[in-house]
C-alpha cells in the first residue's frame, strides 16, 4: 500500500496542524498516513532509529515528510528507505549539534519548503541544501512553523501525490 510517513519536529507532536492537514490530503488520494511519536526524544539519531524500527511501507510507494528536526530525521532515514518523494518542511540541516552536518537525501525526488521569516533555521540553509542536492525549493512568506502556509502545503502535496498517481496510471495498459 502507498504510504506517507510524517516525522514531526522537536517541539511538536505526531498530530499537529501540519500533519493533520497532510494526512487529510493523503487519505483523499488513497494513501495511508503514519506519524510516529518522537515525543521526549531530543536526540535526532534516536528518532531516526525509532522511525526505521517502526511500521514502514511494504509493497507500495513511500513518501517521507519531515518538519524541522523531523526533516533531518527524514533525510537520514531516506538512506535506508529510499522514498519516491522526500518532502522537507523547514528542515534542520547545517545546524550545530546535529551529528550529520550534511545529510544526503536518497529519494526519487526531494522538495523543500522553508519560510523567509524563519528565525529558528535560517532560510539560507534550505537554499544551500536544495542547491547542493538539486532539490525543488519553495521559499514562502512565513516563519518556522509554516502555520500560515497550510493551504500552500496541501496544494503542493496534492500535486506531488497526483504526479505519482499519474506516473503509475501511464504504466497500466488500457483494457
C-alpha atoms as a PDB file:
ATOM      1  CA  UNK A   1       0.000   0.000   0.000  1.00  0.00           C
ATOM      2  CA  UNK A   2       1.215   3.510  -0.785  1.00  0.00           C
ATOM      3  CA  UNK A   3       2.303   5.186   2.451  1.00  0.00           C
ATOM      4  CA  UNK A   4       3.232   8.620   3.751  1.00  0.00           C
ATOM      5  CA  UNK A   5       5.363   8.806   6.891  1.00  0.00           C
ATOM      6  CA  UNK A   6       5.448  12.186   8.650  1.00  0.00           C
ATOM      7  CA  UNK A   7       8.322  12.953  11.047  1.00  0.00           C
ATOM      8  CA  UNK A   8       7.331  15.809  13.360  1.00  0.00           C
ATOM      9  CA  UNK A   9       9.613  18.476  14.791  1.00  0.00           C
ATOM     10  CA  UNK A  10      11.383  18.750  18.125  1.00  0.00           C
ATOM     11  CA  UNK A  11       8.718  20.758  19.950  1.00  0.00           C
ATOM     12  CA  UNK A  12       5.610  19.366  18.277  1.00  0.00           C
ATOM     13  CA  UNK A  13       3.765  16.077  18.258  1.00  0.00           C
ATOM     14  CA  UNK A  14       2.735  13.478  15.725  1.00  0.00           C
ATOM     15  CA  UNK A  15      -0.679  15.024  15.111  1.00  0.00           C
ATOM     16  CA  UNK A  16      -0.077  18.766  14.882  1.00  0.00           C
ATOM     17  CA  UNK A  17      -1.751  21.064  12.388  1.00  0.00           C
ATOM     18  CA  UNK A  18       0.659  20.292   9.501  1.00  0.00           C
ATOM     19  CA  UNK A  19       0.476  16.532   9.899  1.00  0.00           C
ATOM     20  CA  UNK A  20      -3.329  16.590  10.213  1.00  0.00           C
ATOM     21  CA  UNK A  21      -3.662  18.728   7.071  1.00  0.00           C
ATOM     22  CA  UNK A  22      -1.301  16.500   5.091  1.00  0.00           C
ATOM     23  CA  UNK A  23      -2.958  13.341   6.451  1.00  0.00           C
ATOM     24  CA  UNK A  24      -6.299  14.566   5.152  1.00  0.00           C
ATOM     25  CA  UNK A  25      -4.769  15.242   1.735  1.00  0.00           C
ATOM     26  CA  UNK A  26      -3.017  11.857   1.640  1.00  0.00           C
ATOM     27  CA  UNK A  27      -6.167   9.973   2.599  1.00  0.00           C
ATOM     28  CA  UNK A  28      -8.166  11.798  -0.087  1.00  0.00           C
ATOM     29  CA  UNK A  29      -5.701  10.390  -2.607  1.00  0.00           C
ATOM     30  CA  UNK A  30      -5.851   6.850  -1.211  1.00  0.00           C
ATOM     31  CA  UNK A  31      -2.554   6.915   0.692  1.00  0.00           C
ATOM     32  CA  UNK A  32      -2.017   5.511   4.181  1.00  0.00           C
ATOM     33  CA  UNK A  33      -0.600   8.144   6.573  1.00  0.00           C
ATOM     34  CA  UNK A  34       1.651   7.313   9.526  1.00  0.00           C
ATOM     35  CA  UNK A  35       3.067   9.778  12.043  1.00  0.00           C
ATOM     36  CA  UNK A  36       5.399   8.176  14.594  1.00  0.00           C
ATOM     37  CA  UNK A  37       5.573   9.763  18.034  1.00  0.00           C
ATOM     38  CA  UNK A  38       9.024  11.135  18.843  1.00  0.00           C
ATOM     39  CA  UNK A  39       7.880  12.989  21.967  1.00  0.00           C
ATOM     40  CA  UNK A  40      10.593  13.080  24.608  1.00  0.00           C
ATOM     41  CA  UNK A  41      13.346  12.176  22.135  1.00  0.00           C
ATOM     42  CA  UNK A  42      15.758  15.073  21.818  1.00  0.00           C
ATOM     43  CA  UNK A  43      18.479  13.100  20.008  1.00  0.00           C
ATOM     44  CA  UNK A  44      17.792  13.244  16.255  1.00  0.00           C
ATOM     45  CA  UNK A  45      19.672   9.997  15.596  1.00  0.00           C
ATOM     46  CA  UNK A  46      17.484   8.162  18.156  1.00  0.00           C
ATOM     47  CA  UNK A  47      14.495   9.483  16.208  1.00  0.00           C
ATOM     48  CA  UNK A  48      15.939   8.046  13.000  1.00  0.00           C
ATOM     49  CA  UNK A  49      16.332   4.653  14.717  1.00  0.00           C
ATOM     50  CA  UNK A  50      12.752   4.882  16.053  1.00  0.00           C
ATOM     51  CA  UNK A  51      11.372   5.681  12.608  1.00  0.00           C
ATOM     52  CA  UNK A  52      13.284   2.834  10.965  1.00  0.00           C
ATOM     53  CA  UNK A  53      12.202   0.370  13.683  1.00  0.00           C
ATOM     54  CA  UNK A  54       8.532   1.265  13.253  1.00  0.00           C
ATOM     55  CA  UNK A  55       5.970   0.450  10.645  1.00  0.00           C
ATOM     56  CA  UNK A  56       7.135   1.379   7.152  1.00  0.00           C
ATOM     57  CA  UNK A  57       5.802   0.939   3.663  1.00  0.00           C
ATOM     58  CA  UNK A  58       5.635  -2.515   2.210  1.00  0.00           C
ATOM     59  CA  UNK A  59       4.715  -3.273  -1.361  1.00  0.00           C
ATOM     60  CA  UNK A  60       3.867   0.303  -2.305  1.00  0.00           C
ATOM     61  CA  UNK A  61       5.385   3.684  -2.834  1.00  0.00           C
ATOM     62  CA  UNK A  62       6.704   5.725   0.081  1.00  0.00           C
ATOM     63  CA  UNK A  63       6.644   9.468   0.657  1.00  0.00           C
ATOM     64  CA  UNK A  64       8.692  10.702   3.619  1.00  0.00           C
ATOM     65  CA  UNK A  65       7.754  14.085   5.062  1.00  0.00           C
ATOM     66  CA  UNK A  66       9.775  15.784   7.765  1.00  0.00           C
ATOM     67  CA  UNK A  67       9.271  19.060   9.592  1.00  0.00           C
ATOM     68  CA  UNK A  68      12.179  20.865  11.288  1.00  0.00           C
ATOM     69  CA  UNK A  69      14.101  18.203  13.267  1.00  0.00           C
ATOM     70  CA  UNK A  70      11.796  15.738  11.541  1.00  0.00           C
ATOM     71  CA  UNK A  71      13.250  16.983   8.250  1.00  0.00           C
ATOM     72  CA  UNK A  72      16.693  15.938   9.408  1.00  0.00           C
ATOM     73  CA  UNK A  73      15.235  12.593  10.538  1.00  0.00           C
ATOM     74  CA  UNK A  74      13.535  12.063   7.170  1.00  0.00           C
ATOM     75  CA  UNK A  75      16.732  12.803   5.227  1.00  0.00           C
ATOM     76  CA  UNK A  76      18.744  10.412   7.397  1.00  0.00           C
ATOM     77  CA  UNK A  77      16.050   7.700   7.153  1.00  0.00           C
ATOM     78  CA  UNK A  78      15.915   8.132   3.368  1.00  0.00           C
ATOM     79  CA  UNK A  79      19.292   6.376   3.163  1.00  0.00           C
ATOM     80  CA  UNK A  80      17.609   3.118   4.227  1.00  0.00           C
ATOM     81  CA  UNK A  81      14.067   3.681   2.949  1.00  0.00           C
ATOM     82  CA  UNK A  82      14.769   5.438  -0.391  1.00  0.00           C
ATOM     83  CA  UNK A  83      11.332   7.062  -0.719  1.00  0.00           C
ATOM     84  CA  UNK A  84       9.767   8.041  -4.005  1.00  0.00           C
ATOM     85  CA  UNK A  85       9.405  11.593  -2.643  1.00  0.00           C
ATOM     86  CA  UNK A  86      11.128  13.330   0.261  1.00  0.00           C
ATOM     87  CA  UNK A  87       9.234  16.471   1.363  1.00  0.00           C
ATOM     88  CA  UNK A  88      11.141  18.624   3.855  1.00  0.00           C
ATOM     89  CA  UNK A  89       9.440  21.467   5.740  1.00  0.00           C
ATOM     90  CA  UNK A  90      11.894  23.945   7.310  1.00  0.00           C
ATOM     91  CA  UNK A  91      14.414  21.108   7.654  1.00  0.00           C
ATOM     92  CA  UNK A  92      17.022  21.195  10.400  1.00  0.00           C
ATOM     93  CA  UNK A  93      20.085  20.986   8.176  1.00  0.00           C
ATOM     94  CA  UNK A  94      23.511  22.527   8.724  1.00  0.00           C
ATOM     95  CA  UNK A  95      22.798  23.143  12.404  1.00  0.00           C
ATOM     96  CA  UNK A  96      25.378  22.891  15.188  1.00  0.00           C
ATOM     97  CA  UNK A  97      24.852  19.918  17.465  1.00  0.00           C
ATOM     98  CA  UNK A  98      23.451  17.608  14.789  1.00  0.00           C
ATOM     99  CA  UNK A  99      25.629  14.525  14.224  1.00  0.00           C
ATOM    100  CA  UNK A 100      25.481  14.659  10.419  1.00  0.00           C
ATOM    101  CA  UNK A 101      26.140  18.210   9.215  1.00  0.00           C
ATOM    102  CA  UNK A 102      25.427  17.500   5.562  1.00  0.00           C
ATOM    103  CA  UNK A 103      22.866  14.688   5.388  1.00  0.00           C
ATOM    104  CA  UNK A 104      22.489  13.334   1.875  1.00  0.00           C
ATOM    105  CA  UNK A 105      18.940  12.720   0.602  1.00  0.00           C
ATOM    106  CA  UNK A 106      18.212   9.408  -1.096  1.00  0.00           C
ATOM    107  CA  UNK A 107      14.901   9.781  -2.901  1.00  0.00           C
ATOM    108  CA  UNK A 108      13.400   9.835  -6.347  1.00  0.00           C
ATOM    109  CA  UNK A 109      12.506  13.491  -5.794  1.00  0.00           C
ATOM    110  CA  UNK A 110      13.350  15.910  -2.990  1.00  0.00           C
ATOM    111  CA  UNK A 111      11.237  19.006  -2.280  1.00  0.00           C
ATOM    112  CA  UNK A 112      12.000  21.680   0.339  1.00  0.00           C
ATOM    113  CA  UNK A 113       9.629  24.314   1.723  1.00  0.00           C
ATOM    114  CA  UNK A 114      11.038  26.997   4.014  1.00  0.00           C
ATOM    115  CA  UNK A 115       9.814  30.298   5.436  1.00  0.00           C
ATOM    116  CA  UNK A 116      11.629  33.524   4.608  1.00  0.00           C
ATOM    117  CA  UNK A 117      10.994  34.747   8.150  1.00  0.00           C
ATOM    118  CA  UNK A 118      12.225  31.590   9.888  1.00  0.00           C
ATOM    119  CA  UNK A 119      14.290  32.632  12.932  1.00  0.00           C
ATOM    120  CA  UNK A 120      14.977  29.053  14.092  1.00  0.00           C
ATOM    121  CA  UNK A 121      16.612  27.699  10.932  1.00  0.00           C
ATOM    122  CA  UNK A 122      17.864  30.333   8.501  1.00  0.00           C
ATOM    123  CA  UNK A 123      16.349  30.102   5.004  1.00  0.00           C
ATOM    124  CA  UNK A 124      19.893  30.137   3.656  1.00  0.00           C
ATOM    125  CA  UNK A 125      20.261  26.584   4.985  1.00  0.00           C
ATOM    126  CA  UNK A 126      17.337  25.403   2.867  1.00  0.00           C
ATOM    127  CA  UNK A 127      18.691  27.177  -0.192  1.00  0.00           C
ATOM    128  CA  UNK A 128      22.149  25.655   0.350  1.00  0.00           C
ATOM    129  CA  UNK A 129      20.678  22.155   0.783  1.00  0.00           C
ATOM    130  CA  UNK A 130      18.398  22.485  -2.264  1.00  0.00           C
ATOM    131  CA  UNK A 131      21.225  23.798  -4.403  1.00  0.00           C
ATOM    132  CA  UNK A 132      23.658  21.097  -3.320  1.00  0.00           C
ATOM    133  CA  UNK A 133      21.186  18.256  -3.971  1.00  0.00           C
ATOM    134  CA  UNK A 134      19.178  19.739  -6.883  1.00  0.00           C
ATOM    135  CA  UNK A 135      16.004  19.729  -4.793  1.00  0.00           C
ATOM    136  CA  UNK A 136      12.860  21.627  -5.700  1.00  0.00           C
ATOM    137  CA  UNK A 137      12.769  24.662  -3.380  1.00  0.00           C
ATOM    138  CA  UNK A 138       9.810  26.784  -2.279  1.00  0.00           C
ATOM    139  CA  UNK A 139      10.538  29.840  -0.128  1.00  0.00           C
ATOM    140  CA  UNK A 140       7.311  31.191   1.367  1.00  0.00           C
ATOM    141  CA  UNK A 141       6.407  34.318   3.311  1.00  0.00           C
ATOM    142  CA  UNK A 142       6.133  32.558   6.649  1.00  0.00           C
ATOM    143  CA  UNK A 143       8.056  31.721   9.815  1.00  0.00           C
ATOM    144  CA  UNK A 144       9.394  28.426  11.179  1.00  0.00           C
ATOM    145  CA  UNK A 145       6.133  26.574  11.920  1.00  0.00           C
ATOM    146  CA  UNK A 146       4.816  27.358   8.406  1.00  0.00           C
ATOM    147  CA  UNK A 147       1.379  27.742  10.026  1.00  0.00           C
ATOM    148  CA  UNK A 148       0.322  30.410   7.535  1.00  0.00           C
ATOM    149  CA  UNK A 149       1.256  28.185   4.603  1.00  0.00           C
ATOM    150  CA  UNK A 150      -1.064  25.237   5.246  1.00  0.00           C
ATOM    151  CA  UNK A 151      -3.136  25.764   2.070  1.00  0.00           C
ATOM    152  CA  UNK A 152       0.069  26.016   0.015  1.00  0.00           C
ATOM    153  CA  UNK A 153       1.444  22.845   1.639  1.00  0.00           C
ATOM    154  CA  UNK A 154      -1.777  20.964   0.905  1.00  0.00           C
ATOM    155  CA  UNK A 155      -1.752  22.142  -2.728  1.00  0.00           C
ATOM    156  CA  UNK A 156       1.897  21.170  -3.138  1.00  0.00           C
ATOM    157  CA  UNK A 157       1.295  17.804  -1.500  1.00  0.00           C
ATOM    158  CA  UNK A 158      -1.721  17.204  -3.747  1.00  0.00           C
ATOM    159  CA  UNK A 159       0.443  17.942  -6.798  1.00  0.00           C
ATOM    160  CA  UNK A 160       3.170  15.572  -5.607  1.00  0.00           C
ATOM    161  CA  UNK A 161       0.711  12.733  -4.953  1.00  0.00           C
ATOM    162  CA  UNK A 162      -1.182  13.384  -8.193  1.00  0.00           C
ATOM    163  CA  UNK A 163       2.068  13.322 -10.165  1.00  0.00           C
ATOM    164  CA  UNK A 164       2.900   9.966  -8.578  1.00  0.00           C
ATOM    165  CA  UNK A 165      -0.550   8.624  -9.411  1.00  0.00           C
ATOM    166  CA  UNK A 166      -0.210   9.833 -12.978  1.00  0.00           C
ATOM    167  CA  UNK A 167       3.110   8.085 -13.474  1.00  0.00           C
ATOM    168  CA  UNK A 168       1.604   4.800 -12.292  1.00  0.00           C
ATOM    169  CA  UNK A 169      -1.515   5.148 -14.458  1.00  0.00           C
ATOM    170  CA  UNK A 170       0.656   5.601 -17.557  1.00  0.00           C
ATOM    171  CA  UNK A 171       2.213   2.197 -16.874  1.00  0.00           C
ATOM    172  CA  UNK A 172      -1.118   0.374 -16.745  1.00  0.00           C
ATOM    173  CA  UNK A 173      -2.340  -0.696 -20.196  1.00  0.00           C
ATOM    174  CA  UNK A 174      -5.855   0.279 -21.200  1.00  0.00           C
ATOM    175  CA  UNK A 175      -8.198  -2.685 -21.127  1.00  0.00           C
END
